Amino acid sequence: GVVGNKDVELNAGNLTIDVGEPDSYRSVDASVWAGDLIASAFGADHNGLFRNFHHQNANGNFRLRVSLMAGNLKLR
């Protein structure tokens, strides 16, 4: 239930972030070195090595940046 900018880094593990309203984010940058990157809130699904996702929305107010070295990242 945290509303606002988010900047998250994790070395290893599984990370799930409930983004709330996807249209409230001006920019989204997410990356995973090894694992799955599932950004269903933004319509993206990537797996394997060196995965990244970038989303821009001129009408949003917030920034989301997430970096994970090894594991599974879900933005829902």
Protein backbone atom coordinates (compact mmCIF):
# COMPACT_ATOMS: atom_id res chain seq x y z
CA GLY A 1 0.00 0.00 0.00
CA VAL A 2 2.94 2.39 -0.46
CA VAL A 3 2.07 5.19 -2.88
CA GLY A 4 4.91 7.18 -4.43
CA ASN A 5 8.37 6.65 -5.87
CA LYS A 6 9.97 3.26 -5.29
CA ASP A 7 13.67 2.35 -5.59
CA VAL A 8 14.34 -1.32 -4.73
CA GLU A 9 17.53 -3.41 -4.98
CA LEU A 10 17.95 -7.07 -4.01
CA ASN A 11 20.90 -9.40 -4.58
CA ALA A 12 19.12 -12.75 -4.53
CA GLY A 13 15.63 -14.05 -3.93
CA ASN A 14 12.13 -13.64 -5.21
CA LEU A 15 10.56 -10.20 -5.16
CA THR A 16 6.92 -9.31 -5.76
CA ILE A 17 5.78 -5.69 -5.85
CA ASP A 18 2.11 -4.73 -6.00
CA VAL A 19 2.32 -1.55 -8.04
CA GLY A 20 -1.27 -0.46 -7.54
CA GLU A 21 -2.42 1.68 -10.48
CA PRO A 22 0.13 1.22 -13.33
CA ASP A 23 -0.86 4.52 -14.94
CA SER A 24 0.38 6.43 -11.88
CA TYR A 25 4.04 5.73 -12.86
CA ARG A 26 5.84 8.17 -15.15
CA SER A 27 8.77 5.77 -15.60
CA VAL A 28 9.45 2.15 -14.75
CA ASP A 29 12.90 0.55 -14.97
CA ALA A 30 13.25 -3.08 -13.89
CA SER A 31 16.11 -5.51 -14.39
CA VAL A 32 17.06 -9.06 -13.47
CA TRP A 33 20.51 -10.54 -14.18
CA ALA A 34 19.37 -14.16 -13.95
CA GLY A 35 15.75 -15.20 -13.58
CA ASP A 36 12.27 -14.16 -14.58
CA LEU A 37 10.95 -10.64 -14.93
CA ILE A 38 7.17 -10.70 -14.98
CA ALA A 39 5.63 -7.24 -15.18
CA SER A 40 2.02 -8.25 -15.70
CA ALA A 41 0.86 -4.83 -14.48
CA PHE A 42 2.55 -3.38 -17.58
CA GLY A 43 1.99 -6.29 -20.00
CA ALA A 44 5.57 -7.63 -20.05
CA ASP A 45 7.01 -11.11 -19.41
CA HIS A 46 10.74 -11.92 -19.85
CA ASN A 47 12.90 -14.79 -18.62
CA GLY A 48 16.52 -15.88 -18.93
CA LEU A 49 19.70 -13.87 -18.44
CA PHE A 50 20.15 -10.09 -18.40
CA ARG A 51 16.45 -9.20 -18.63
CA ASN A 52 15.22 -5.63 -18.41
CA PHE A 53 12.01 -3.71 -18.85
CA HIS A 54 11.40 -0.01 -19.41
CA HIS A 55 8.05 1.79 -19.47
CA GLN A 56 7.23 5.50 -19.95
CA ASN A 57 3.93 7.26 -19.31
CA ALA A 58 3.82 11.04 -19.69
CA ASN A 59 0.74 11.29 -17.45
CA GLY A 60 2.19 9.45 -14.44
CA ASN A 61 3.54 11.08 -11.28
CA PHE A 62 5.87 8.45 -9.81
CA ARG A 63 9.04 6.53 -10.63
CA LEU A 64 9.64 2.81 -10.04
CA ARG A 65 13.16 1.39 -10.24
CA VAL A 66 13.82 -2.25 -9.35
CA SER A 67 17.05 -4.22 -9.68
CA LEU A 68 17.48 -7.91 -8.84
CA MET A 69 20.65 -9.93 -9.43
CA ALA A 70 19.30 -13.49 -9.22
CA GLY A 71 15.73 -14.64 -8.70
CA ASN A 72 12.25 -13.84 -9.90
CA LEU A 73 10.80 -10.34 -10.06
CA LYS A 74 7.06 -9.78 -10.34
CA LEU A 75 5.38 -6.41 -10.81
CA ARG A 76 1.66 -6.93 -10.44
